Amino acid sequence: MSLKMSRLLAALAAASLLAACSEPALSASAQEPVADTACALDGMVLLDFPGPKAQIQYAEGKADFYCDLMELFTVVLQPEHRRRIAGVFVQDMGKTAWDKPSGAWIAARDALYVVGSKKQGSMGPTFASFSDPAQAAAFAKTEGGKVLPYSQITVAMLDTGHAAGDMRH
């Protein structure tokens, strides 16, 4: 190999390392809300309400919590949302109680969502999140609604039509 080629390869390797160092990998772990953890949108205390909770861990280290999955999707589906996200988490309702959910955090993008069920969250009808497709299907059969992956949740589903089972909510 020529000296010129060796230098070129060394320069490319150095550039790759510098690029990797300047753009740190974003990863985060879910945090458990405490007794006074408030919702980032409305200030409601998370632990005072039934249904799955959510959180966004931002790259700068700050976390925003949400007392309802509808609120989470209101934020993450906004086209103007520009903050760098390190992780988004929801509670797995197949592993925690609806009335007093605790722990059981899963990556929001990996969850399945039951949209349009009759179950109520902090602000009325809400989505239910699951890691297990069979548990999501069983919940939908019992409580109504349709099972969808994260990628199929749309802004139109967030319309506040508050009627039980209303797929627009």
N, C-alpha and C. Protein backbone atom coordinates (compact mmCIF):
# COMPACT_ATOMS: atom_id res chain seq x y z
N MET A 1 0.85 -1.16 0.00
CA MET A 1 0.00 0.00 0.00
C MET A 1 0.90 1.23 0.00
N SER A 2 0.55 2.20 -0.78
CA SER A 2 1.37 3.40 -0.88
C SER A 2 1.20 4.28 0.35
N LEU A 3 2.19 5.13 0.56
CA LEU A 3 2.14 6.06 1.69
C LEU A 3 0.95 7.01 1.54
N LYS A 4 0.65 7.43 0.32
CA LYS A 4 -0.46 8.33 0.05
C LYS A 4 -1.78 7.66 0.44
N MET A 5 -1.94 6.39 0.05
CA MET A 5 -3.15 5.65 0.36
C MET A 5 -3.27 5.43 1.87
N SER A 6 -2.19 5.14 2.55
CA SER A 6 -2.20 4.94 4.00
C SER A 6 -2.64 6.21 4.72
N ARG A 7 -2.12 7.34 4.26
CA ARG A 7 -2.50 8.62 4.88
C ARG A 7 -3.98 8.91 4.65
N LEU A 8 -4.47 8.61 3.46
CA LEU A 8 -5.88 8.84 3.14
C LEU A 8 -6.77 7.98 4.04
N LEU A 9 -6.41 6.71 4.21
CA LEU A 9 -7.18 5.82 5.07
C LEU A 9 -7.13 6.27 6.53
N ALA A 10 -5.97 6.73 6.97
CA ALA A 10 -5.84 7.22 8.34
C ALA A 10 -6.69 8.48 8.55
N ALA A 11 -6.71 9.37 7.56
CA ALA A 11 -7.51 10.58 7.66
C ALA A 11 -9.00 10.25 7.69
N LEU A 12 -9.43 9.30 6.88
CA LEU A 12 -10.84 8.88 6.87
C LEU A 12 -11.22 8.25 8.21
N ALA A 13 -10.35 7.44 8.76
CA ALA A 13 -10.62 6.81 10.06
C ALA A 13 -10.74 7.87 11.14
N ALA A 14 -9.83 8.85 11.12
CA ALA A 14 -9.87 9.92 12.12
C ALA A 14 -11.15 10.75 11.98
N ALA A 15 -11.53 11.04 10.76
CA ALA A 15 -12.77 11.80 10.53
C ALA A 15 -13.98 11.03 11.04
N SER A 16 -14.01 9.73 10.84
CA SER A 16 -15.12 8.90 11.33
C SER A 16 -15.20 8.94 12.85
N LEU A 17 -14.05 8.83 13.50
CA LEU A 17 -14.03 8.88 14.96
C LEU A 17 -14.49 10.22 15.48
N LEU A 18 -14.04 11.30 14.86
CA LEU A 18 -14.46 12.64 15.28
C LEU A 18 -15.95 12.83 15.09
N ALA A 19 -16.48 12.35 13.99
CA ALA A 19 -17.93 12.46 13.75
C ALA A 19 -18.70 11.68 14.80
N ALA A 20 -18.22 10.51 15.13
CA ALA A 20 -18.90 9.68 16.14
C ALA A 20 -18.85 10.36 17.50
N CYS A 21 -17.73 11.02 17.82
CA CYS A 21 -17.60 11.69 19.11
C CYS A 21 -18.46 12.93 19.20
N SER A 22 -18.65 13.65 18.10
CA SER A 22 -19.41 14.88 18.14
C SER A 22 -20.91 14.64 18.18
N GLU A 23 -21.37 13.46 17.87
CA GLU A 23 -22.80 13.13 17.89
C GLU A 23 -22.99 11.93 18.81
N PRO A 24 -23.11 12.19 20.13
CA PRO A 24 -23.21 11.07 21.06
C PRO A 24 -24.48 10.25 20.83
N ALA A 25 -24.36 8.96 21.07
CA ALA A 25 -25.51 8.08 20.95
C ALA A 25 -26.52 8.47 22.03
N LEU A 26 -27.77 8.56 21.64
CA LEU A 26 -28.81 8.93 22.58
C LEU A 26 -29.43 7.68 23.16
N SER A 27 -29.35 7.56 24.44
CA SER A 27 -30.01 6.45 25.12
C SER A 27 -30.39 6.94 26.51
N ALA A 28 -31.45 6.39 27.00
CA ALA A 28 -31.95 6.80 28.31
C ALA A 28 -32.67 5.63 28.93
N SER A 29 -32.88 5.74 30.22
CA SER A 29 -33.66 4.77 30.96
C SER A 29 -34.86 5.48 31.55
N ALA A 30 -35.94 4.75 31.66
CA ALA A 30 -37.14 5.32 32.27
C ALA A 30 -36.89 5.60 33.74
N GLN A 31 -37.52 6.65 34.23
CA GLN A 31 -37.46 7.01 35.64
C GLN A 31 -38.84 6.78 36.24
N GLU A 32 -38.88 6.36 37.47
CA GLU A 32 -40.16 6.15 38.14
C GLU A 32 -40.62 7.49 38.72
N PRO A 33 -41.85 7.91 38.43
CA PRO A 33 -42.33 9.16 39.03
C PRO A 33 -42.47 9.01 40.54
N VAL A 34 -42.30 10.12 41.25
CA VAL A 34 -42.44 10.13 42.71
C VAL A 34 -43.77 10.78 43.08
N ALA A 35 -44.07 10.87 44.34
CA ALA A 35 -45.38 11.31 44.82
C ALA A 35 -45.81 12.67 44.27
N ASP A 36 -44.87 13.56 44.00
CA ASP A 36 -45.26 14.90 43.53
C ASP A 36 -44.89 15.15 42.06
N THR A 37 -44.59 14.10 41.30
CA THR A 37 -44.25 14.28 39.89
C THR A 37 -45.50 14.77 39.15
N ALA A 38 -45.34 15.90 38.47
CA ALA A 38 -46.46 16.53 37.77
C ALA A 38 -46.35 16.36 36.26
N CYS A 39 -47.49 16.36 35.63
CA CYS A 39 -47.56 16.27 34.18
C CYS A 39 -46.99 17.54 33.56
N ALA A 40 -46.19 17.38 32.53
CA ALA A 40 -45.55 18.52 31.85
C ALA A 40 -46.56 19.43 31.16
N LEU A 41 -47.73 18.90 30.78
CA LEU A 41 -48.71 19.71 30.06
C LEU A 41 -49.71 20.42 30.96
N ASP A 42 -50.19 19.74 32.00
CA ASP A 42 -51.27 20.33 32.78
C ASP A 42 -51.00 20.43 34.27
N GLY A 43 -49.85 19.97 34.73
CA GLY A 43 -49.49 20.08 36.14
C GLY A 43 -50.18 19.11 37.07
N MET A 44 -50.99 18.20 36.53
CA MET A 44 -51.67 17.21 37.37
C MET A 44 -50.63 16.23 37.93
N VAL A 45 -50.84 15.77 39.15
CA VAL A 45 -49.92 14.83 39.79
C VAL A 45 -50.18 13.45 39.20
N LEU A 46 -49.16 12.85 38.61
CA LEU A 46 -49.31 11.57 37.90
C LEU A 46 -49.93 10.47 38.74
N LEU A 47 -49.45 10.31 39.95
CA LEU A 47 -49.86 9.17 40.76
C LEU A 47 -51.30 9.27 41.26
N ASP A 48 -51.96 10.40 41.02
CA ASP A 48 -53.35 10.57 41.46
C ASP A 48 -54.37 9.99 40.49
N PHE A 49 -53.92 9.48 39.34
CA PHE A 49 -54.85 9.09 38.29
C PHE A 49 -54.58 7.69 37.75
N PRO A 50 -55.64 7.02 37.26
CA PRO A 50 -55.49 5.69 36.68
C PRO A 50 -54.91 5.76 35.27
N GLY A 51 -54.59 4.60 34.74
CA GLY A 51 -54.14 4.48 33.36
C GLY A 51 -52.65 4.66 33.18
N PRO A 52 -52.16 4.25 32.02
CA PRO A 52 -50.73 4.30 31.76
C PRO A 52 -50.18 5.72 31.72
N LYS A 53 -48.99 5.85 32.23
CA LYS A 53 -48.27 7.12 32.21
C LYS A 53 -47.19 7.05 31.12
N ALA A 54 -46.59 8.19 30.84
CA ALA A 54 -45.55 8.24 29.82
C ALA A 54 -44.48 9.24 30.23
N GLN A 55 -43.34 9.14 29.59
CA GLN A 55 -42.27 10.09 29.82
C GLN A 55 -41.39 10.22 28.60
N ILE A 56 -40.85 11.41 28.45
CA ILE A 56 -39.86 11.69 27.41
C ILE A 56 -38.58 12.07 28.14
N GLN A 57 -37.51 11.37 27.83
CA GLN A 57 -36.18 11.70 28.35
C GLN A 57 -35.47 12.47 27.24
N TYR A 58 -35.10 13.71 27.54
CA TYR A 58 -34.44 14.54 26.53
C TYR A 58 -32.92 14.40 26.59
N ALA A 59 -32.28 14.69 25.48
CA ALA A 59 -30.83 14.54 25.36
C ALA A 59 -30.08 15.36 26.41
N GLU A 60 -30.61 16.52 26.78
CA GLU A 60 -29.92 17.36 27.76
C GLU A 60 -30.10 16.85 29.19
N GLY A 61 -30.83 15.74 29.36
CA GLY A 61 -30.97 15.12 30.67
C GLY A 61 -32.29 15.38 31.37
N LYS A 62 -33.08 16.29 30.86
CA LYS A 62 -34.37 16.60 31.48
C LYS A 62 -35.40 15.56 31.08
N ALA A 63 -36.35 15.30 31.97
CA ALA A 63 -37.45 14.38 31.68
C ALA A 63 -38.77 15.13 31.81
N ASP A 64 -39.68 14.88 30.88
CA ASP A 64 -41.05 15.36 30.98
C ASP A 64 -41.94 14.15 31.17
N PHE A 65 -42.84 14.23 32.14
CA PHE A 65 -43.78 13.15 32.43
C PHE A 65 -45.18 13.55 31.97
N TYR A 66 -45.98 12.54 31.64
CA TYR A 66 -47.35 12.76 31.18
C TYR A 66 -48.28 11.80 31.90
N CYS A 67 -49.43 12.31 32.38
CA CYS A 67 -50.35 11.49 33.15
C CYS A 67 -51.29 10.69 32.25
N ASP A 68 -51.09 10.78 30.93
CA ASP A 68 -51.99 10.15 29.98
C ASP A 68 -51.24 9.96 28.66
N LEU A 69 -51.49 8.87 27.97
CA LEU A 69 -50.79 8.64 26.69
C LEU A 69 -51.26 9.59 25.60
N MET A 70 -52.49 10.07 25.70
CA MET A 70 -52.97 11.06 24.73
C MET A 70 -52.07 12.30 24.77
N GLU A 71 -51.70 12.71 25.99
CA GLU A 71 -50.83 13.88 26.14
C GLU A 71 -49.45 13.61 25.55
N LEU A 72 -48.92 12.43 25.77
CA LEU A 72 -47.63 12.09 25.18
C LEU A 72 -47.67 12.25 23.67
N PHE A 73 -48.66 11.65 23.04
CA PHE A 73 -48.73 11.71 21.58
C PHE A 73 -49.03 13.11 21.07
N THR A 74 -49.71 13.92 21.87
CA THR A 74 -49.93 15.32 21.50
C THR A 74 -48.58 16.02 21.34
N VAL A 75 -47.63 15.67 22.17
CA VAL A 75 -46.30 16.28 22.12
C VAL A 75 -45.44 15.66 21.01
N VAL A 76 -45.31 14.33 20.98
CA VAL A 76 -44.37 13.72 20.04
C VAL A 76 -44.82 13.78 18.59
N LEU A 77 -46.11 13.95 18.34
CA LEU A 77 -46.58 14.02 16.96
C LEU A 77 -46.63 15.45 16.42
N GLN A 78 -46.28 16.43 17.23
CA GLN A 78 -46.25 17.81 16.76
C GLN A 78 -45.10 18.00 15.78
N PRO A 79 -45.37 18.53 14.60
CA PRO A 79 -44.28 18.73 13.64
C PRO A 79 -43.23 19.73 14.13
N GLU A 80 -43.62 20.63 15.00
CA GLU A 80 -42.67 21.63 15.50
C GLU A 80 -41.84 21.13 16.68
N HIS A 81 -42.07 19.91 17.13
CA HIS A 81 -41.30 19.35 18.26
C HIS A 81 -39.87 19.11 17.79
N ARG A 82 -38.93 19.88 18.33
CA ARG A 82 -37.55 19.84 17.83
C ARG A 82 -36.51 19.44 18.87
N ARG A 83 -36.89 19.32 20.13
CA ARG A 83 -35.90 18.96 21.14
C ARG A 83 -35.39 17.55 20.87
N ARG A 84 -34.11 17.34 21.14
CA ARG A 84 -33.50 16.02 20.93
C ARG A 84 -33.97 15.06 22.01
N ILE A 85 -34.57 13.98 21.58
CA ILE A 85 -35.12 12.99 22.49
C ILE A 85 -34.13 11.83 22.63
N ALA A 86 -33.87 11.45 23.87
CA ALA A 86 -33.01 10.29 24.15
C ALA A 86 -33.84 9.03 24.33
N GLY A 87 -35.09 9.17 24.76
CA GLY A 87 -35.95 8.01 24.95
C GLY A 87 -37.37 8.42 25.28
N VAL A 88 -38.33 7.61 24.83
CA VAL A 88 -39.74 7.82 25.14
C VAL A 88 -40.25 6.50 25.70
N PHE A 89 -40.91 6.58 26.86
CA PHE A 89 -41.34 5.37 27.56
C PHE A 89 -42.81 5.45 27.95
N VAL A 90 -43.45 4.30 27.95
CA VAL A 90 -44.83 4.14 28.38
C VAL A 90 -44.89 2.94 29.32
N GLN A 91 -45.96 2.84 30.07
CA GLN A 91 -46.10 1.70 30.97
C GLN A 91 -46.80 0.54 30.27
N ASP A 92 -46.30 -0.65 30.51
CA ASP A 92 -46.86 -1.88 29.95
C ASP A 92 -48.04 -2.29 30.82
N MET A 93 -49.25 -2.11 30.31
CA MET A 93 -50.45 -2.38 31.10
C MET A 93 -50.73 -3.87 31.25
N GLY A 94 -49.95 -4.70 30.60
CA GLY A 94 -50.03 -6.14 30.83
C GLY A 94 -49.24 -6.54 32.06
N LYS A 95 -48.46 -5.59 32.61
CA LYS A 95 -47.59 -5.89 33.75
C LYS A 95 -47.82 -4.99 34.95
N THR A 96 -48.83 -4.14 34.89
CA THR A 96 -49.13 -3.26 36.02
C THR A 96 -50.64 -3.01 36.06
N ALA A 97 -51.12 -2.58 37.21
CA ALA A 97 -52.56 -2.37 37.41
C ALA A 97 -53.03 -1.05 36.80
N TRP A 98 -54.19 -1.05 36.17
CA TRP A 98 -54.74 0.16 35.55
C TRP A 98 -54.98 1.25 36.59
N ASP A 99 -55.57 0.90 37.73
CA ASP A 99 -55.94 1.90 38.72
C ASP A 99 -54.75 2.57 39.40
N LYS A 100 -53.67 1.86 39.59
CA LYS A 100 -52.47 2.40 40.23
C LYS A 100 -51.23 1.84 39.52
N PRO A 101 -50.99 2.27 38.27
CA PRO A 101 -49.83 1.72 37.56
C PRO A 101 -48.52 2.12 38.22
N SER A 102 -47.58 1.18 38.19
CA SER A 102 -46.27 1.42 38.77
C SER A 102 -45.23 0.62 37.98
N GLY A 103 -44.12 1.26 37.68
CA GLY A 103 -43.05 0.56 36.96
C GLY A 103 -43.51 0.07 35.59
N ALA A 104 -42.94 -1.05 35.18
CA ALA A 104 -43.28 -1.71 33.90
C ALA A 104 -43.08 -0.79 32.70
N TRP A 105 -41.99 -0.03 32.69
CA TRP A 105 -41.72 0.91 31.59
C TRP A 105 -41.15 0.17 30.39
N ILE A 106 -41.64 0.53 29.21
CA ILE A 106 -41.15 -0.02 27.95
C ILE A 106 -40.95 1.12 26.96
N ALA A 107 -40.11 0.89 25.96
CA ALA A 107 -39.90 1.90 24.93
C ALA A 107 -41.20 2.11 24.16
N ALA A 108 -41.59 3.35 24.01
CA ALA A 108 -42.86 3.68 23.35
C ALA A 108 -42.92 3.13 21.93
N ARG A 109 -41.81 3.18 21.20
CA ARG A 109 -41.79 2.71 19.81
C ARG A 109 -41.98 1.20 19.70
N ASP A 110 -41.69 0.47 20.78
CA ASP A 110 -41.83 -0.99 20.77
C ASP A 110 -43.20 -1.45 21.24
N ALA A 111 -43.98 -0.55 21.80
CA ALA A 111 -45.28 -0.91 22.38
C ALA A 111 -46.36 -1.03 21.30
N LEU A 112 -47.39 -1.79 21.66
CA LEU A 112 -48.63 -1.84 20.89
C LEU A 112 -49.64 -1.02 21.68
N TYR A 113 -50.54 -0.34 20.98
CA TYR A 113 -51.50 0.56 21.62
C TYR A 113 -52.92 0.13 21.28
N VAL A 114 -53.76 0.10 22.31
CA VAL A 114 -55.18 -0.12 22.08
C VAL A 114 -55.80 1.27 22.04
N VAL A 115 -56.33 1.62 20.89
CA VAL A 115 -56.91 2.93 20.63
C VAL A 115 -58.43 2.77 20.58
N GLY A 116 -59.13 3.62 21.31
CA GLY A 116 -60.58 3.61 21.26
C GLY A 116 -61.26 2.71 22.27
N SER A 117 -60.57 2.34 23.34
CA SER A 117 -61.21 1.50 24.36
C SER A 117 -62.12 2.36 25.24
N LYS A 118 -62.90 1.70 26.08
CA LYS A 118 -63.77 2.42 27.01
C LYS A 118 -63.06 2.77 28.33
N LYS A 119 -61.83 2.31 28.52
CA LYS A 119 -61.08 2.60 29.75
C LYS A 119 -60.75 4.09 29.82
N GLN A 120 -60.78 4.60 31.05
CA GLN A 120 -60.54 6.02 31.28
C GLN A 120 -59.16 6.24 31.91
N GLY A 121 -58.51 7.30 31.48
CA GLY A 121 -57.26 7.74 32.07
C GLY A 121 -57.50 9.03 32.82
N SER A 122 -56.48 9.83 32.97
CA SER A 122 -56.59 11.07 33.75
C SER A 122 -57.51 12.09 33.11
N MET A 123 -57.61 12.09 31.80
CA MET A 123 -58.38 13.11 31.09
C MET A 123 -59.54 12.51 30.30
N GLY A 124 -59.95 11.32 30.64
CA GLY A 124 -61.03 10.65 29.90
C GLY A 124 -60.47 9.48 29.13
N PRO A 125 -61.05 9.18 27.96
CA PRO A 125 -60.54 8.04 27.18
C PRO A 125 -59.06 8.20 26.87
N THR A 126 -58.36 7.09 26.88
CA THR A 126 -56.92 7.13 26.62
C THR A 126 -56.51 5.87 25.88
N PHE A 127 -55.29 5.83 25.45
CA PHE A 127 -54.72 4.62 24.84
C PHE A 127 -54.21 3.72 25.96
N ALA A 128 -54.12 2.44 25.66
CA ALA A 128 -53.49 1.48 26.56
C ALA A 128 -52.26 0.94 25.84
N SER A 129 -51.18 0.77 26.56
CA SER A 129 -49.92 0.32 25.95
C SER A 129 -49.54 -1.06 26.48
N PHE A 130 -49.01 -1.89 25.56
CA PHE A 130 -48.65 -3.27 25.89
C PHE A 130 -47.39 -3.67 25.14
N SER A 131 -46.63 -4.58 25.74
CA SER A 131 -45.49 -5.17 25.04
C SER A 131 -45.89 -6.49 24.39
N ASP A 132 -46.90 -7.15 24.91
CA ASP A 132 -47.33 -8.48 24.45
C ASP A 132 -48.56 -8.36 23.55
N PRO A 133 -48.46 -8.80 22.29
CA PRO A 133 -49.60 -8.71 21.37
C PRO A 133 -50.85 -9.44 21.89
N ALA A 134 -50.67 -10.58 22.55
CA ALA A 134 -51.82 -11.33 23.07
C ALA A 134 -52.52 -10.54 24.17
N GLN A 135 -51.76 -9.88 25.04
CA GLN A 135 -52.37 -9.08 26.10
C GLN A 135 -53.09 -7.87 25.52
N ALA A 136 -52.51 -7.25 24.50
CA ALA A 136 -53.16 -6.11 23.85
C ALA A 136 -54.47 -6.56 23.21
N ALA A 137 -54.46 -7.70 22.53
CA ALA A 137 -55.67 -8.22 21.88
C ALA A 137 -56.74 -8.57 22.91
N ALA A 138 -56.34 -9.17 24.02
CA ALA A 138 -57.30 -9.52 25.07
C ALA A 138 -57.92 -8.26 25.68
N PHE A 139 -57.11 -7.23 25.90
CA PHE A 139 -57.61 -5.97 26.42
C PHE A 139 -58.62 -5.36 25.44
N ALA A 140 -58.28 -5.35 24.16
CA ALA A 140 -59.18 -4.78 23.14
C ALA A 140 -60.49 -5.57 23.07
N LYS A 141 -60.43 -6.87 23.24
CA LYS A 141 -61.63 -7.70 23.21
C LYS A 141 -62.54 -7.36 24.40
N THR A 142 -61.95 -7.16 25.56
CA THR A 142 -62.71 -6.86 26.77
C THR A 142 -63.17 -5.41 26.85
N GLU A 143 -62.28 -4.49 26.52
CA GLU A 143 -62.54 -3.06 26.73
C GLU A 143 -62.89 -2.30 25.44
N GLY A 144 -62.83 -2.98 24.30
CA GLY A 144 -63.08 -2.31 23.02
C GLY A 144 -61.81 -1.69 22.48
N GLY A 145 -61.88 -1.24 21.25
CA GLY A 145 -60.75 -0.58 20.63
C GLY A 145 -60.03 -1.45 19.62
N LYS A 146 -58.98 -0.89 19.08
CA LYS A 146 -58.20 -1.52 18.03
C LYS A 146 -56.73 -1.48 18.41
N VAL A 147 -56.01 -2.57 18.14
CA VAL A 147 -54.58 -2.65 18.47
C VAL A 147 -53.77 -2.10 17.29
N LEU A 148 -52.89 -1.15 17.60
CA LEU A 148 -52.04 -0.53 16.58
C LEU A 148 -50.60 -0.39 17.08
N PRO A 149 -49.64 -0.48 16.16
CA PRO A 149 -48.25 -0.19 16.55
C PRO A 149 -48.04 1.33 16.65
N TYR A 150 -46.97 1.72 17.28
CA TYR A 150 -46.60 3.13 17.45
C TYR A 150 -46.65 3.89 16.11
N SER A 151 -46.13 3.27 15.08
CA SER A 151 -46.02 3.93 13.77
C SER A 151 -47.37 4.29 13.15
N GLN A 152 -48.45 3.69 13.64
CA GLN A 152 -49.77 3.97 13.07
C GLN A 152 -50.62 4.92 13.91
N ILE A 153 -50.05 5.42 15.00
CA ILE A 153 -50.78 6.40 15.81
C ILE A 153 -50.70 7.74 15.08
N THR A 154 -51.85 8.39 14.91
CA THR A 154 -51.89 9.65 14.17
C THR A 154 -52.51 10.76 15.03
N VAL A 155 -52.28 11.98 14.60
CA VAL A 155 -52.86 13.15 15.26
C VAL A 155 -54.39 13.06 15.25
N ALA A 156 -54.97 12.55 14.18
CA ALA A 156 -56.43 12.45 14.10
C ALA A 156 -57.01 11.60 15.23
N MET A 157 -56.25 10.64 15.73
CA MET A 157 -56.73 9.79 16.82
C MET A 157 -56.75 10.52 18.15
N LEU A 158 -56.15 11.69 18.21
CA LEU A 158 -56.08 12.47 19.44
C LEU A 158 -57.23 13.45 19.57
N ASP A 159 -58.09 13.53 18.57
CA ASP A 159 -59.24 14.42 18.61
C ASP A 159 -60.01 14.12 19.89
N THR A 160 -60.34 15.15 20.64
CA THR A 160 -60.95 14.94 21.95
C THR A 160 -62.45 14.72 21.87
N GLY A 161 -62.86 13.67 21.20
CA GLY A 161 -64.26 13.31 21.08
C GLY A 161 -64.78 12.57 22.28
N HIS A 162 -64.15 12.49 23.37
CA HIS A 162 -64.45 11.87 24.65
C HIS A 162 -65.58 10.85 24.75
N ALA A 163 -66.18 10.42 23.66
CA ALA A 163 -67.19 9.36 23.75
C ALA A 163 -66.46 8.02 23.91
N ALA A 164 -66.95 7.17 24.77
CA ALA A 164 -66.31 5.87 24.98
C ALA A 164 -66.20 5.13 23.66
N GLY A 165 -65.03 4.65 23.38
CA GLY A 165 -64.80 3.89 22.16
C GLY A 165 -64.63 4.74 20.92
N ASP A 166 -64.66 6.06 21.04
CA ASP A 166 -64.52 6.94 19.89
C ASP A 166 -63.10 6.83 19.35
N MET A 167 -62.93 6.28 18.16
CA MET A 167 -61.61 6.05 17.58
C MET A 167 -60.89 7.36 17.24
N ARG A 168 -61.61 8.47 17.24
CA ARG A 168 -60.97 9.75 16.93
C ARG A 168 -60.22 10.29 18.13
N HIS A 169 -60.47 9.77 19.31
CA HIS A 169 -59.81 10.30 20.50
C HIS A 169 -58.52 9.64 20.70
